Amino acid sequence: MPTNEELESLRLPFVAGSELRWNARRDRALICNLSCGGVLAHVDRLPEGEVEVDFPLPDDGPPVHARAAVRWSGPAFAERSGFLPVACGLGFVEIEPEIRERIARLARRYRQQPVPAVGIAQPRSGILRVPLILPCRFRSESTGVLRGKTCNVSAFGVYVTLERELELGSQGQLELDLPPPVGSFAPRVTVAWRNPDLEPRPHALPVGCGLRFEGLGRTELAALVRVVDELLAQVPRGRG
């Protein structure tokens, strides 16, 4: 069984939408990983000092509210479970004991997964996806260029959160830079499913949509599989 110290430090690869509030400011962020001690967040604007943070947990319980302090921040930072243009580490300074226990239960469950997997849950399709946060652009004649971020990627598609929501079945081109060996990547994509700003929706994902890659060749597909496998191998896991 993992010790309390191991559970406290274990970081869960987990992507979720979050709201930060500090100095009368309010901003959105993407949580990139989670531990009993705090979260790693991708932000457009770095917060200062202490912040209030709200985010969901993937256990069907109520949203988390906590007070946290910025422990570190930095641009162009590569995290083991993804690549973050701007990130900050938020350490909890005030959090309800029952919320900490909920996170500890998720950590224990993550440690006990019989097959190594990324994140708290995988889709029912069985297609492995890994957390990966990168800036991206969606381009089509009807929408123009929409900027956004990826949240996770598989060999067959990617989940993105964009400046505005797309309709189911919409088609266009996605532009982003993936880790080697893929690099610059601009596939044709179709909106395969939507996660609109309505309840209920998956707790582990911010508002956005799943994009299915279209017309990939064998070489591109093999390179994507390698990216997913290498990111999976880098995710910190312990055995309890």
C-alpha atoms as a PDB file:
ATOM      1  CA  MET A   1       0.000   0.000   0.000  1.00  0.00           C
ATOM      2  CA  PRO A   2       1.282   3.513  -0.766  1.00  0.00           C
ATOM      3  CA  THR A   3       2.277   5.628   2.220  1.00  0.00           C
ATOM      4  CA  ASN A   4       0.598   8.946   3.039  1.00  0.00           C
ATOM      5  CA  GLU A   5       3.766  10.734   1.913  1.00  0.00           C
ATOM      6  CA  GLU A   6       3.682   8.959  -1.459  1.00  0.00           C
ATOM      7  CA  LEU A   7       0.022   9.830  -1.982  1.00  0.00           C
ATOM      8  CA  GLU A   8       0.686  13.448  -1.010  1.00  0.00           C
ATOM      9  CA  SER A   9       3.330  13.855  -3.708  1.00  0.00           C
ATOM     10  CA  LEU A  10       1.819  11.690  -6.459  1.00  0.00           C
ATOM     11  CA  ARG A  11       0.735  13.853  -9.398  1.00  0.00           C
ATOM     12  CA  LEU A  12      -2.269  12.615 -11.359  1.00  0.00           C
ATOM     13  CA  PRO A  13      -2.310  13.470 -15.086  1.00  0.00           C
ATOM     14  CA  PHE A  14      -5.667  15.221 -15.177  1.00  0.00           C
ATOM     15  CA  VAL A  15      -6.983  17.939 -17.490  1.00  0.00           C
ATOM     16  CA  ALA A  16      -9.923  20.037 -16.290  1.00  0.00           C
ATOM     17  CA  GLY A  17     -11.248  23.544 -16.671  1.00  0.00           C
ATOM     18  CA  SER A  18     -10.722  25.805 -13.656  1.00  0.00           C
ATOM     19  CA  GLU A  19     -11.472  29.328 -12.475  1.00  0.00           C
ATOM     20  CA  LEU A  20      -8.888  31.435 -10.625  1.00  0.00           C
ATOM     21  CA  ARG A  21      -9.645  34.595  -8.628  1.00  0.00           C
ATOM     22  CA  TRP A  22      -7.108  36.972  -7.173  1.00  0.00           C
ATOM     23  CA  ASN A  23      -6.915  40.725  -6.482  1.00  0.00           C
ATOM     24  CA  ALA A  24     -10.499  41.201  -7.762  1.00  0.00           C
ATOM     25  CA  ARG A  25      -9.506  39.471 -11.017  1.00  0.00           C
ATOM     26  CA  ARG A  26     -11.145  36.388 -12.476  1.00  0.00           C
ATOM     27  CA  ASP A  27      -9.515  34.155 -15.076  1.00  0.00           C
ATOM     28  CA  ARG A  28      -9.852  30.732 -16.660  1.00  0.00           C
ATOM     29  CA  ALA A  29      -7.142  28.088 -16.474  1.00  0.00           C
ATOM     30  CA  LEU A  30      -6.551  24.491 -17.497  1.00  0.00           C
ATOM     31  CA  ILE A  31      -5.411  22.151 -14.753  1.00  0.00           C
ATOM     32  CA  CYS A  32      -2.703  19.850 -16.075  1.00  0.00           C
ATOM     33  CA  ASN A  33      -2.077  17.610 -13.103  1.00  0.00           C
ATOM     34  CA  LEU A  34      -3.331  17.228  -9.565  1.00  0.00           C
ATOM     35  CA  SER A  35      -1.999  16.084  -6.199  1.00  0.00           C
ATOM     36  CA  CYS A  36      -3.131  16.257  -2.582  1.00  0.00           C
ATOM     37  CA  GLY A  37      -0.842  19.264  -2.208  1.00  0.00           C
ATOM     38  CA  GLY A  38      -1.897  21.348  -5.188  1.00  0.00           C
ATOM     39  CA  VAL A  39      -2.340  21.633  -8.947  1.00  0.00           C
ATOM     40  CA  LEU A  40      -0.306  22.511 -11.999  1.00  0.00           C
ATOM     41  CA  ALA A  41      -2.220  24.960 -14.171  1.00  0.00           C
ATOM     42  CA  HIS A  42      -1.797  26.325 -17.672  1.00  0.00           C
ATOM     43  CA  VAL A  43      -2.772  30.001 -17.679  1.00  0.00           C
ATOM     44  CA  ASP A  44      -2.928  32.874 -20.133  1.00  0.00           C
ATOM     45  CA  ARG A  45      -2.102  35.391 -17.389  1.00  0.00           C
ATOM     46  CA  LEU A  46       0.070  34.511 -14.403  1.00  0.00           C
ATOM     47  CA  PRO A  47      -1.671  35.096 -11.059  1.00  0.00           C
ATOM     48  CA  GLU A  48       0.074  36.769  -8.150  1.00  0.00           C
ATOM     49  CA  GLY A  49       0.219  35.708  -4.516  1.00  0.00           C
ATOM     50  CA  GLU A  50      -2.719  33.745  -3.149  1.00  0.00           C
ATOM     51  CA  VAL A  51      -5.641  32.725  -5.361  1.00  0.00           C
ATOM     52  CA  GLU A  52      -9.024  31.098  -4.963  1.00  0.00           C
ATOM     53  CA  VAL A  53      -9.365  28.102  -7.262  1.00  0.00           C
ATOM     54  CA  ASP A  54     -12.474  26.161  -8.290  1.00  0.00           C
ATOM     55  CA  PHE A  55     -12.405  22.965 -10.345  1.00  0.00           C
ATOM     56  CA  PRO A  56     -14.278  19.657 -10.685  1.00  0.00           C
ATOM     57  CA  LEU A  57     -13.003  16.230  -9.679  1.00  0.00           C
ATOM     58  CA  PRO A  58     -13.774  13.133 -11.779  1.00  0.00           C
ATOM     59  CA  ASP A  59     -15.639  11.382  -8.954  1.00  0.00           C
ATOM     60  CA  ASP A  60     -19.159  12.793  -9.398  1.00  0.00           C
ATOM     61  CA  GLY A  61     -18.787  14.816  -6.199  1.00  0.00           C
ATOM     62  CA  PRO A  62     -19.302  18.588  -5.857  1.00  0.00           C
ATOM     63  CA  PRO A  63     -16.750  21.003  -7.352  1.00  0.00           C
ATOM     64  CA  VAL A  64     -13.613  21.752  -5.368  1.00  0.00           C
ATOM     65  CA  HIS A  65     -13.057  25.158  -3.808  1.00  0.00           C
ATOM     66  CA  ALA A  66      -9.680  25.901  -2.254  1.00  0.00           C
ATOM     67  CA  ARG A  67      -7.270  28.681  -1.456  1.00  0.00           C
ATOM     68  CA  ALA A  68      -3.837  28.263  -2.990  1.00  0.00           C
ATOM     69  CA  ALA A  69      -0.539  30.102  -3.279  1.00  0.00           C
ATOM     70  CA  VAL A  70       1.620  30.439  -6.380  1.00  0.00           C
ATOM     71  CA  ARG A  71       4.687  28.339  -5.579  1.00  0.00           C
ATOM     72  CA  TRP A  72       6.423  28.857  -8.907  1.00  0.00           C
ATOM     73  CA  SER A  73       5.666  30.010 -12.442  1.00  0.00           C
ATOM     74  CA  GLY A  74       7.418  30.118 -15.755  1.00  0.00           C
ATOM     75  CA  PRO A  75       6.989  30.309 -19.533  1.00  0.00           C
ATOM     76  CA  ALA A  76       8.041  27.752 -22.155  1.00  0.00           C
ATOM     77  CA  PHE A  77       8.027  24.979 -19.589  1.00  0.00           C
ATOM     78  CA  ALA A  78       7.990  21.287 -20.595  1.00  0.00           C
ATOM     79  CA  GLU A  79       6.074  19.101 -18.153  1.00  0.00           C
ATOM     80  CA  ARG A  80       6.463  15.340 -18.180  1.00  0.00           C
ATOM     81  CA  SER A  81       2.804  14.749 -19.025  1.00  0.00           C
ATOM     82  CA  GLY A  82       2.597  17.449 -21.681  1.00  0.00           C
ATOM     83  CA  PHE A  83       4.032  20.688 -22.981  1.00  0.00           C
ATOM     84  CA  LEU A  84       2.835  23.915 -21.424  1.00  0.00           C
ATOM     85  CA  PRO A  85       3.478  27.362 -22.937  1.00  0.00           C
ATOM     86  CA  VAL A  86       2.856  29.110 -19.570  1.00  0.00           C
ATOM     87  CA  ALA A  87       2.390  27.256 -16.301  1.00  0.00           C
ATOM     88  CA  CYS A  88       2.257  27.819 -12.582  1.00  0.00           C
ATOM     89  CA  GLY A  89       2.294  25.529  -9.592  1.00  0.00           C
ATOM     90  CA  LEU A  90      -0.462  26.270  -7.065  1.00  0.00           C
ATOM     91  CA  GLY A  91       0.009  24.828  -3.586  1.00  0.00           C
ATOM     92  CA  PHE A  92      -3.089  24.428  -1.428  1.00  0.00           C
ATOM     93  CA  VAL A  93      -3.035  26.617   1.700  1.00  0.00           C
ATOM     94  CA  GLU A  94      -6.661  26.072   2.711  1.00  0.00           C
ATOM     95  CA  ILE A  95      -8.676  23.042   1.600  1.00  0.00           C
ATOM     96  CA  GLU A  96     -11.411  21.044   3.303  1.00  0.00           C
ATOM     97  CA  PRO A  97     -10.204  17.709   4.766  1.00  0.00           C
ATOM     98  CA  GLU A  98     -12.914  15.800   2.887  1.00  0.00           C
ATOM     99  CA  ILE A  99     -11.713  17.285  -0.418  1.00  0.00           C
ATOM    100  CA  ARG A 100      -8.140  16.251   0.339  1.00  0.00           C
ATOM    101  CA  GLU A 101      -9.430  12.749   1.098  1.00  0.00           C
ATOM    102  CA  ARG A 102     -11.304  12.678  -2.233  1.00  0.00           C
ATOM    103  CA  ILE A 103      -8.047  13.492  -4.030  1.00  0.00           C
ATOM    104  CA  ALA A 104      -6.238  10.819  -1.981  1.00  0.00           C
ATOM    105  CA  ARG A 105      -8.860   8.242  -3.017  1.00  0.00           C
ATOM    106  CA  LEU A 106      -8.304   9.135  -6.663  1.00  0.00           C
ATOM    107  CA  ALA A 107      -4.551   8.794  -6.126  1.00  0.00           C
ATOM    108  CA  ARG A 108      -4.977   5.351  -4.557  1.00  0.00           C
ATOM    109  CA  ARG A 109      -7.207   4.259  -7.425  1.00  0.00           C
ATOM    110  CA  TYR A 110      -4.701   5.568  -9.950  1.00  0.00           C
ATOM    111  CA  ARG A 111      -1.866   3.668  -8.241  1.00  0.00           C
ATOM    112  CA  GLN A 112      -3.865   0.452  -8.269  1.00  0.00           C
ATOM    113  CA  GLN A 113      -4.754   0.406 -11.966  1.00  0.00           C
ATOM    114  CA  PRO A 114      -3.691  -3.056 -13.213  1.00  0.00           C
ATOM    115  CA  VAL A 115      -2.706  -1.725 -16.637  1.00  0.00           C
ATOM    116  CA  PRO A 116      -0.641   1.494 -16.878  1.00  0.00           C
ATOM    117  CA  ALA A 117      -2.914   4.242 -18.144  1.00  0.00           C
ATOM    118  CA  VAL A 118      -2.908   8.012 -18.214  1.00  0.00           C
ATOM    119  CA  GLY A 119      -5.390  10.038 -16.267  1.00  0.00           C
ATOM    120  CA  ILE A 120      -8.293   8.959 -14.112  1.00  0.00           C
ATOM    121  CA  ALA A 121     -10.401   7.350 -16.825  1.00  0.00           C
ATOM    122  CA  GLN A 122     -10.215   6.353 -20.472  1.00  0.00           C
ATOM    123  CA  PRO A 123     -12.980   6.561 -23.088  1.00  0.00           C
ATOM    124  CA  ARG A 124     -15.314   3.624 -23.624  1.00  0.00           C
ATOM    125  CA  SER A 125     -13.930   3.218 -27.145  1.00  0.00           C
ATOM    126  CA  GLY A 126     -10.757   1.760 -25.627  1.00  0.00           C
ATOM    127  CA  ILE A 127      -8.573   4.090 -27.731  1.00  0.00           C
ATOM    128  CA  LEU A 128      -5.807   5.300 -25.432  1.00  0.00           C
ATOM    129  CA  ARG A 129      -5.580   9.058 -24.986  1.00  0.00           C
ATOM    130  CA  VAL A 130      -2.930  11.002 -23.109  1.00  0.00           C
ATOM    131  CA  PRO A 131      -3.057  14.486 -21.551  1.00  0.00           C
ATOM    132  CA  LEU A 132      -1.303  16.988 -23.787  1.00  0.00           C
ATOM    133  CA  ILE A 133      -1.786  20.741 -23.550  1.00  0.00           C
ATOM    134  CA  LEU A 134      -0.604  22.702 -26.565  1.00  0.00           C
ATOM    135  CA  PRO A 135      -1.691  25.883 -28.339  1.00  0.00           C
ATOM    136  CA  CYS A 136      -3.607  25.123 -31.535  1.00  0.00           C
ATOM    137  CA  ARG A 137      -5.656  26.766 -34.282  1.00  0.00           C
ATOM    138  CA  PHE A 138      -8.797  25.507 -36.028  1.00  0.00           C
ATOM    139  CA  ARG A 139      -9.332  26.894 -39.519  1.00  0.00           C
ATOM    140  CA  SER A 140     -12.323  26.655 -41.861  1.00  0.00           C
ATOM    141  CA  GLU A 141     -14.163  28.836 -44.372  1.00  0.00           C
ATOM    142  CA  SER A 142     -17.185  29.224 -42.083  1.00  0.00           C
ATOM    143  CA  THR A 143     -15.313  29.979 -38.835  1.00  0.00           C
ATOM    144  CA  GLY A 144     -12.110  31.626 -39.977  1.00  0.00           C
ATOM    145  CA  VAL A 145      -9.280  30.986 -37.527  1.00  0.00           C
ATOM    146  CA  LEU A 146     -10.163  29.992 -33.961  1.00  0.00           C
ATOM    147  CA  ARG A 147      -7.387  29.789 -31.388  1.00  0.00           C
ATOM    148  CA  GLY A 148      -7.429  27.324 -28.553  1.00  0.00           C
ATOM    149  CA  LYS A 149      -5.636  24.553 -26.680  1.00  0.00           C
ATOM    150  CA  THR A 150      -5.545  20.804 -26.893  1.00  0.00           C
ATOM    151  CA  CYS A 151      -6.396  18.817 -23.749  1.00  0.00           C
ATOM    152  CA  ASN A 152      -5.620  15.262 -24.781  1.00  0.00           C
ATOM    153  CA  VAL A 153      -4.555  13.367 -27.874  1.00  0.00           C
ATOM    154  CA  SER A 154      -4.840   9.865 -29.275  1.00  0.00           C
ATOM    155  CA  ALA A 155      -3.682   8.311 -32.531  1.00  0.00           C
ATOM    156  CA  PHE A 156      -7.126   9.005 -33.990  1.00  0.00           C
ATOM    157  CA  GLY A 157      -8.069  12.426 -32.693  1.00  0.00           C
ATOM    158  CA  VAL A 158      -7.682  15.242 -30.223  1.00  0.00           C
ATOM    159  CA  TYR A 159      -9.838  17.082 -27.694  1.00  0.00           C
ATOM    160  CA  VAL A 160      -9.676  20.877 -27.966  1.00  0.00           C
ATOM    161  CA  THR A 161     -11.120  23.904 -26.224  1.00  0.00           C
ATOM    162  CA  LEU A 162     -11.510  26.853 -28.614  1.00  0.00           C
ATOM    163  CA  GLU A 163     -12.560  30.503 -28.589  1.00  0.00           C
ATOM    164  CA  ARG A 164     -16.093  29.430 -29.472  1.00  0.00           C
ATOM    165  CA  GLU A 165     -17.971  26.166 -29.809  1.00  0.00           C
ATOM    166  CA  LEU A 166     -18.180  24.187 -33.056  1.00  0.00           C
ATOM    167  CA  GLU A 167     -21.184  22.321 -34.408  1.00  0.00           C
ATOM    168  CA  LEU A 168     -21.230  18.536 -34.615  1.00  0.00           C
ATOM    169  CA  GLY A 169     -19.942  17.396 -38.000  1.00  0.00           C
ATOM    170  CA  SER A 170     -18.077  20.643 -38.713  1.00  0.00           C
ATOM    171  CA  GLN A 171     -14.934  20.152 -40.776  1.00  0.00           C
ATOM    172  CA  GLY A 172     -11.746  22.125 -41.022  1.00  0.00           C
ATOM    173  CA  GLN A 173      -8.007  22.026 -40.486  1.00  0.00           C
ATOM    174  CA  LEU A 174      -6.235  21.835 -37.147  1.00  0.00           C
ATOM    175  CA  GLU A 175      -2.772  23.367 -36.832  1.00  0.00           C
ATOM    176  CA  LEU A 176      -0.384  22.569 -33.979  1.00  0.00           C
ATOM    177  CA  ASP A 177       3.146  21.424 -33.184  1.00  0.00           C
ATOM    178  CA  LEU A 178       3.315  17.951 -31.640  1.00  0.00           C
ATOM    179  CA  PRO A 179       6.323  16.417 -29.869  1.00  0.00           C
ATOM    180  CA  PRO A 180       8.842  14.547 -32.056  1.00  0.00           C
ATOM    181  CA  PRO A 181       8.717  12.612 -34.305  1.00  0.00           C
ATOM    182  CA  VAL A 182       5.591  14.409 -35.602  1.00  0.00           C
ATOM    183  CA  GLY A 183       6.460  18.106 -35.226  1.00  0.00           C
ATOM    184  CA  SER A 184       4.369  20.516 -37.299  1.00  0.00           C
ATOM    185  CA  PHE A 185       0.963  18.891 -37.822  1.00  0.00           C
ATOM    186  CA  ALA A 186      -2.021  20.192 -39.812  1.00  0.00           C
ATOM    187  CA  PRO A 187      -4.551  17.401 -40.400  1.00  0.00           C
ATOM    188  CA  ARG A 188      -8.064  17.684 -41.732  1.00  0.00           C
ATOM    189  CA  VAL A 189     -10.488  17.116 -38.853  1.00  0.00           C
ATOM    190  CA  THR A 190     -14.185  16.551 -38.182  1.00  0.00           C
ATOM    191  CA  VAL A 191     -16.048  17.410 -34.984  1.00  0.00           C
ATOM    192  CA  ALA A 192     -16.918  13.895 -33.766  1.00  0.00           C
ATOM    193  CA  TRP A 193     -18.543  14.915 -30.473  1.00  0.00           C
ATOM    194  CA  ARG A 194     -19.292  18.057 -28.506  1.00  0.00           C
ATOM    195  CA  ASN A 195     -18.980  18.967 -24.844  1.00  0.00           C
ATOM    196  CA  PRO A 196     -21.050  22.183 -24.749  1.00  0.00           C
ATOM    197  CA  ASP A 197     -21.384  24.650 -21.905  1.00  0.00           C
ATOM    198  CA  LEU A 198     -24.428  22.804 -20.581  1.00  0.00           C
ATOM    199  CA  GLU A 199     -25.028  20.422 -17.720  1.00  0.00           C
ATOM    200  CA  PRO A 200     -24.379  17.583 -17.389  1.00  0.00           C
ATOM    201  CA  ARG A 201     -21.029  17.256 -19.146  1.00  0.00           C
ATOM    202  CA  PRO A 202     -17.833  15.253 -18.467  1.00  0.00           C
ATOM    203  CA  HIS A 203     -16.181  16.547 -15.300  1.00  0.00           C
ATOM    204  CA  ALA A 204     -12.671  15.899 -16.529  1.00  0.00           C
ATOM    205  CA  LEU A 205     -12.941  18.174 -19.557  1.00  0.00           C
ATOM    206  CA  PRO A 206     -13.550  21.892 -20.105  1.00  0.00           C
ATOM    207  CA  VAL A 207     -16.036  23.095 -22.713  1.00  0.00           C
ATOM    208  CA  GLY A 208     -14.836  21.962 -26.128  1.00  0.00           C
ATOM    209  CA  CYS A 209     -15.079  19.174 -28.691  1.00  0.00           C
ATOM    210  CA  GLY A 210     -13.451  16.001 -29.899  1.00  0.00           C
ATOM    211  CA  LEU A 211     -11.877  16.265 -33.353  1.00  0.00           C
ATOM    212  CA  ARG A 212     -11.346  13.137 -35.452  1.00  0.00           C
ATOM    213  CA  PHE A 213      -8.302  13.104 -37.756  1.00  0.00           C
ATOM    214  CA  GLU A 214      -9.199  12.508 -41.403  1.00  0.00           C
ATOM    215  CA  GLY A 215      -7.134  10.990 -44.206  1.00  0.00           C
ATOM    216  CA  LEU A 216      -3.952  10.210 -42.271  1.00  0.00           C
ATOM    217  CA  GLY A 217      -1.351   8.095 -44.046  1.00  0.00           C
ATOM    218  CA  ARG A 218       0.396   5.112 -42.484  1.00  0.00           C
ATOM    219  CA  THR A 219       3.523   7.137 -41.714  1.00  0.00           C
ATOM    220  CA  GLU A 220       1.554   9.864 -39.915  1.00  0.00           C
ATOM    221  CA  LEU A 221      -0.480   7.313 -37.972  1.00  0.00           C
ATOM    222  CA  ALA A 222       2.645   5.422 -36.894  1.00  0.00           C
ATOM    223  CA  ALA A 223       4.236   8.685 -35.729  1.00  0.00           C
ATOM    224  CA  LEU A 224       1.127   9.564 -33.692  1.00  0.00           C
ATOM    225  CA  VAL A 225       1.133   6.122 -32.059  1.00  0.00           C
ATOM    226  CA  ARG A 226       4.769   6.672 -31.109  1.00  0.00           C
ATOM    227  CA  VAL A 227       3.972  10.095 -29.572  1.00  0.00           C
ATOM    228  CA  VAL A 228       1.179   8.585 -27.474  1.00  0.00           C
ATOM    229  CA  ASP A 229       3.372   5.659 -26.371  1.00  0.00           C
ATOM    230  CA  GLU A 230       6.281   7.914 -25.411  1.00  0.00           C
ATOM    231  CA  LEU A 231       4.074  10.329 -23.446  1.00  0.00           C
ATOM    232  CA  LEU A 232       2.514   7.359 -21.673  1.00  0.00           C
ATOM    233  CA  ALA A 233       5.958   6.036 -20.724  1.00  0.00           C
ATOM    234  CA  GLN A 234       6.906   9.415 -19.204  1.00  0.00           C
ATOM    235  CA  VAL A 235       3.908   9.667 -16.888  1.00  0.00           C
ATOM    236  CA  PRO A 236       5.011   9.187 -13.247  1.00  0.00           C
ATOM    237  CA  ARG A 237       3.473   6.089 -11.719  1.00  0.00           C
ATOM    238  CA  GLY A 238       4.129   4.159  -8.573  1.00  0.00           C
ATOM    239  CA  ARG A 239       3.105   0.687  -7.602  1.00  0.00           C
ATOM    240  CA  GLY A 240       1.245   0.142  -4.372  1.00  0.00           C
END
